[in-house]
Amino acid sequence: MAFVPGILELRTLRDSLQDALRTRSPAAVKLAYSAYSRVDRDYRSQITHHALQLATLRRHSAGPMGSDGHATPRMAGLGTDGPRRA
């Protein structure tokens, strides 16, 4: 069997991130951060870049933010500039 550097660390990171997302416990988030810090620097850079792209896409698709800091639901039949036209 051959050892591929990084594979075990990436799987550990994946699993710990999924657990942190599911449980939202401080211990799970701490474990995910620990797993992230053990991943190779180049992988961390790629992961960070991809995560920022996903966050940007989600922010744009969520619509405008309300005064409470949460996305306001869009009214049915309305686009971002007003009523949709056929």
N, C-alpha and C. Protein backbone atom coordinates (compact mmCIF):
# COMPACT_ATOMS: atom_id res chain seq x y z
N MET A 1 0.85 -1.18 0.00
CA MET A 1 0.00 0.00 0.00
C MET A 1 0.88 1.24 0.00
N ALA A 2 0.46 2.24 -0.73
CA ALA A 2 1.21 3.49 -0.81
C ALA A 2 0.51 4.56 0.01
N PHE A 3 1.30 5.44 0.56
CA PHE A 3 0.75 6.57 1.32
C PHE A 3 0.78 7.80 0.43
N VAL A 4 -0.37 8.43 0.27
CA VAL A 4 -0.46 9.66 -0.51
C VAL A 4 -0.55 10.81 0.49
N PRO A 5 0.46 11.67 0.54
CA PRO A 5 0.44 12.77 1.51
C PRO A 5 -0.80 13.64 1.35
N GLY A 6 -1.44 13.93 2.46
CA GLY A 6 -2.57 14.84 2.45
C GLY A 6 -3.93 14.18 2.42
N ILE A 7 -4.04 12.96 1.93
CA ILE A 7 -5.35 12.33 1.78
C ILE A 7 -6.01 12.11 3.14
N LEU A 8 -5.29 11.56 4.08
CA LEU A 8 -5.86 11.33 5.41
C LEU A 8 -6.26 12.65 6.07
N GLU A 9 -5.40 13.67 5.94
CA GLU A 9 -5.71 14.97 6.52
C GLU A 9 -6.95 15.59 5.91
N LEU A 10 -7.10 15.45 4.59
CA LEU A 10 -8.27 16.02 3.91
C LEU A 10 -9.55 15.29 4.32
N ARG A 11 -9.47 13.98 4.47
CA ARG A 11 -10.64 13.23 4.92
C ARG A 11 -11.02 13.59 6.35
N THR A 12 -10.00 13.74 7.19
CA THR A 12 -10.25 14.15 8.58
C THR A 12 -10.89 15.52 8.61
N LEU A 13 -10.39 16.44 7.79
CA LEU A 13 -10.96 17.79 7.71
C LEU A 13 -12.40 17.74 7.23
N ARG A 14 -12.65 16.97 6.18
CA ARG A 14 -14.02 16.85 5.65
C ARG A 14 -14.98 16.36 6.73
N ASP A 15 -14.59 15.30 7.41
CA ASP A 15 -15.46 14.72 8.43
C ASP A 15 -15.67 15.68 9.60
N SER A 16 -14.60 16.36 10.01
CA SER A 16 -14.74 17.27 11.15
C SER A 16 -15.57 18.50 10.78
N LEU A 17 -15.45 18.98 9.54
CA LEU A 17 -16.29 20.11 9.10
C LEU A 17 -17.76 19.71 9.04
N GLN A 18 -18.03 18.51 8.54
CA GLN A 18 -19.42 18.04 8.50
C GLN A 18 -19.98 17.91 9.91
N ASP A 19 -19.19 17.41 10.84
CA ASP A 19 -19.63 17.28 12.22
C ASP A 19 -19.87 18.65 12.85
N ALA A 20 -18.97 19.60 12.59
CA ALA A 20 -19.14 20.96 13.13
C ALA A 20 -20.39 21.61 12.57
N LEU A 21 -20.66 21.41 11.30
CA LEU A 21 -21.86 21.98 10.68
C LEU A 21 -23.12 21.34 11.25
N ARG A 22 -23.07 20.04 11.47
CA ARG A 22 -24.24 19.32 11.98
C ARG A 22 -24.52 19.65 13.44
N THR A 23 -23.49 19.64 14.28
CA THR A 23 -23.71 19.82 15.72
C THR A 23 -23.60 21.26 16.18
N ARG A 24 -22.80 22.05 15.48
CA ARG A 24 -22.54 23.45 15.84
C ARG A 24 -22.00 23.61 17.26
N SER A 25 -21.36 22.58 17.76
CA SER A 25 -20.78 22.65 19.10
C SER A 25 -19.39 23.29 19.03
N PRO A 26 -19.02 24.03 20.07
CA PRO A 26 -17.68 24.64 20.09
C PRO A 26 -16.56 23.60 19.98
N ALA A 27 -16.75 22.44 20.60
CA ALA A 27 -15.73 21.39 20.53
C ALA A 27 -15.56 20.89 19.10
N ALA A 28 -16.65 20.73 18.37
CA ALA A 28 -16.57 20.26 16.99
C ALA A 28 -15.92 21.31 16.09
N VAL A 29 -16.22 22.58 16.33
CA VAL A 29 -15.60 23.65 15.55
C VAL A 29 -14.09 23.70 15.84
N LYS A 30 -13.73 23.53 17.10
CA LYS A 30 -12.32 23.52 17.49
C LYS A 30 -11.58 22.36 16.81
N LEU A 31 -12.22 21.19 16.77
CA LEU A 31 -11.62 20.03 16.11
C LEU A 31 -11.46 20.28 14.61
N ALA A 32 -12.46 20.90 13.99
CA ALA A 32 -12.38 21.22 12.56
C ALA A 32 -11.23 22.19 12.29
N TYR A 33 -11.08 23.19 13.14
CA TYR A 33 -9.98 24.13 12.98
C TYR A 33 -8.63 23.42 13.14
N SER A 34 -8.56 22.52 14.08
CA SER A 34 -7.33 21.76 14.29
C SER A 34 -7.01 20.92 13.05
N ALA A 35 -8.03 20.28 12.49
CA ALA A 35 -7.83 19.48 11.29
C ALA A 35 -7.40 20.36 10.12
N TYR A 36 -8.00 21.55 10.01
CA TYR A 36 -7.66 22.49 8.94
C TYR A 36 -6.21 22.92 9.06
N SER A 37 -5.75 23.18 10.27
CA SER A 37 -4.38 23.66 10.45
C SER A 37 -3.35 22.57 10.15
N ARG A 38 -3.75 21.32 10.10
CA ARG A 38 -2.82 20.22 9.80
C ARG A 38 -2.72 19.93 8.30
N VAL A 39 -3.61 20.52 7.52
CA VAL A 39 -3.61 20.31 6.07
C VAL A 39 -2.48 21.14 5.44
N ASP A 40 -1.89 20.62 4.40
CA ASP A 40 -0.82 21.31 3.67
C ASP A 40 -1.24 22.73 3.29
N ARG A 41 -0.30 23.65 3.32
CA ARG A 41 -0.57 25.07 3.07
C ARG A 41 -1.23 25.30 1.71
N ASP A 42 -0.79 24.59 0.68
CA ASP A 42 -1.39 24.77 -0.65
C ASP A 42 -2.85 24.32 -0.67
N TYR A 43 -3.15 23.22 0.00
CA TYR A 43 -4.54 22.76 0.10
C TYR A 43 -5.38 23.76 0.89
N ARG A 44 -4.81 24.29 1.97
CA ARG A 44 -5.55 25.29 2.76
C ARG A 44 -5.90 26.50 1.91
N SER A 45 -4.97 26.92 1.08
CA SER A 45 -5.21 28.06 0.19
C SER A 45 -6.34 27.76 -0.79
N GLN A 46 -6.32 26.57 -1.36
CA GLN A 46 -7.39 26.18 -2.30
C GLN A 46 -8.74 26.08 -1.59
N ILE A 47 -8.73 25.51 -0.40
CA ILE A 47 -9.97 25.36 0.37
C ILE A 47 -10.54 26.72 0.72
N THR A 48 -9.68 27.63 1.17
CA THR A 48 -10.12 28.97 1.54
C THR A 48 -10.68 29.70 0.34
N HIS A 49 -9.99 29.62 -0.79
CA HIS A 49 -10.46 30.29 -2.01
C HIS A 49 -11.84 29.76 -2.42
N HIS A 50 -12.01 28.45 -2.41
CA HIS A 50 -13.28 27.84 -2.79
C HIS A 50 -14.40 28.23 -1.81
N ALA A 51 -14.08 28.24 -0.52
CA ALA A 51 -15.08 28.61 0.49
C ALA A 51 -15.52 30.05 0.32
N LEU A 52 -14.59 30.94 0.02
CA LEU A 52 -14.96 32.34 -0.20
C LEU A 52 -15.82 32.51 -1.45
N GLN A 53 -15.53 31.74 -2.50
CA GLN A 53 -16.37 31.78 -3.70
C GLN A 53 -17.78 31.31 -3.39
N LEU A 54 -17.91 30.21 -2.65
CA LEU A 54 -19.23 29.70 -2.29
C LEU A 54 -19.99 30.70 -1.42
N ALA A 55 -19.31 31.32 -0.47
CA ALA A 55 -19.95 32.30 0.40
C ALA A 55 -20.45 33.49 -0.41
N THR A 56 -19.67 33.93 -1.38
CA THR A 56 -20.07 35.05 -2.23
C THR A 56 -21.31 34.68 -3.04
N LEU A 57 -21.32 33.48 -3.62
CA LEU A 57 -22.48 33.04 -4.40
C LEU A 57 -23.72 32.96 -3.52
N ARG A 58 -23.60 32.42 -2.33
CA ARG A 58 -24.75 32.31 -1.43
C ARG A 58 -25.24 33.68 -1.00
N ARG A 59 -24.31 34.59 -0.74
CA ARG A 59 -24.70 35.92 -0.31
C ARG A 59 -25.48 36.62 -1.42
N HIS A 60 -25.03 36.48 -2.68
CA HIS A 60 -25.72 37.11 -3.79
C HIS A 60 -27.07 36.48 -4.06
N SER A 61 -27.19 35.18 -3.84
CA SER A 61 -28.46 34.51 -4.12
C SER A 61 -29.46 34.66 -2.98
N ALA A 62 -29.00 35.08 -1.81
CA ALA A 62 -29.89 35.21 -0.65
C ALA A 62 -30.72 36.48 -0.70
N GLY A 63 -30.31 37.47 -1.48
CA GLY A 63 -31.06 38.72 -1.55
C GLY A 63 -30.53 39.73 -0.56
N PRO A 64 -31.22 40.86 -0.46
CA PRO A 64 -30.75 41.94 0.42
C PRO A 64 -30.84 41.56 1.89
N MET A 65 -29.99 42.17 2.69
CA MET A 65 -29.98 41.93 4.13
C MET A 65 -30.95 42.90 4.81
N GLY A 66 -31.66 42.40 5.79
CA GLY A 66 -32.56 43.23 6.58
C GLY A 66 -31.81 43.91 7.71
N SER A 67 -32.50 44.73 8.47
CA SER A 67 -31.86 45.46 9.56
C SER A 67 -31.39 44.52 10.67
N ASP A 68 -31.94 43.29 10.70
CA ASP A 68 -31.53 42.34 11.73
C ASP A 68 -30.30 41.52 11.31
N GLY A 69 -29.76 41.79 10.11
CA GLY A 69 -28.58 41.07 9.65
C GLY A 69 -28.88 39.79 8.91
N HIS A 70 -30.15 39.44 8.74
CA HIS A 70 -30.54 38.24 8.01
C HIS A 70 -31.09 38.63 6.65
N ALA A 71 -31.00 37.71 5.71
CA ALA A 71 -31.53 37.97 4.38
C ALA A 71 -33.04 38.13 4.45
N THR A 72 -33.54 39.12 3.73
CA THR A 72 -34.99 39.32 3.68
C THR A 72 -35.56 38.47 2.56
N PRO A 73 -36.68 37.80 2.79
CA PRO A 73 -37.25 36.97 1.72
C PRO A 73 -37.74 37.83 0.57
N ARG A 74 -37.50 37.37 -0.63
CA ARG A 74 -37.97 38.10 -1.80
C ARG A 74 -39.46 37.84 -1.99
N MET A 75 -40.15 38.86 -2.44
CA MET A 75 -41.59 38.72 -2.67
C MET A 75 -41.79 37.90 -3.94
N ALA A 76 -42.78 37.03 -3.93
CA ALA A 76 -43.06 36.18 -5.09
C ALA A 76 -43.42 37.05 -6.27
N GLY A 77 -42.87 36.73 -7.43
CA GLY A 77 -43.20 37.47 -8.64
C GLY A 77 -42.39 38.74 -8.81
N LEU A 78 -41.50 39.04 -7.89
CA LEU A 78 -40.69 40.24 -8.01
C LEU A 78 -39.24 39.87 -8.21
N GLY A 79 -38.58 40.59 -9.09
CA GLY A 79 -37.15 40.44 -9.26
C GLY A 79 -36.47 41.42 -8.33
N THR A 80 -35.20 41.61 -8.52
CA THR A 80 -34.49 42.53 -7.64
C THR A 80 -34.82 43.99 -7.96
N ASP A 81 -35.31 44.28 -9.18
CA ASP A 81 -35.63 45.65 -9.55
C ASP A 81 -37.12 45.94 -9.61
N GLY A 82 -37.95 45.02 -9.19
CA GLY A 82 -39.39 45.25 -9.21
C GLY A 82 -40.10 44.10 -9.89
N PRO A 83 -41.35 44.35 -10.35
CA PRO A 83 -42.12 43.26 -10.97
C PRO A 83 -41.44 42.71 -12.21
N ARG A 84 -41.57 41.43 -12.41
CA ARG A 84 -41.03 40.79 -13.62
C ARG A 84 -41.97 41.04 -14.77
N ARG A 85 -41.39 41.15 -15.93
CA ARG A 85 -42.21 41.38 -17.13
C ARG A 85 -42.12 40.19 -18.05
N ALA A 86 -43.20 39.90 -18.72
CA ALA A 86 -43.26 38.74 -19.61
C ALA A 86 -42.54 39.00 -20.90
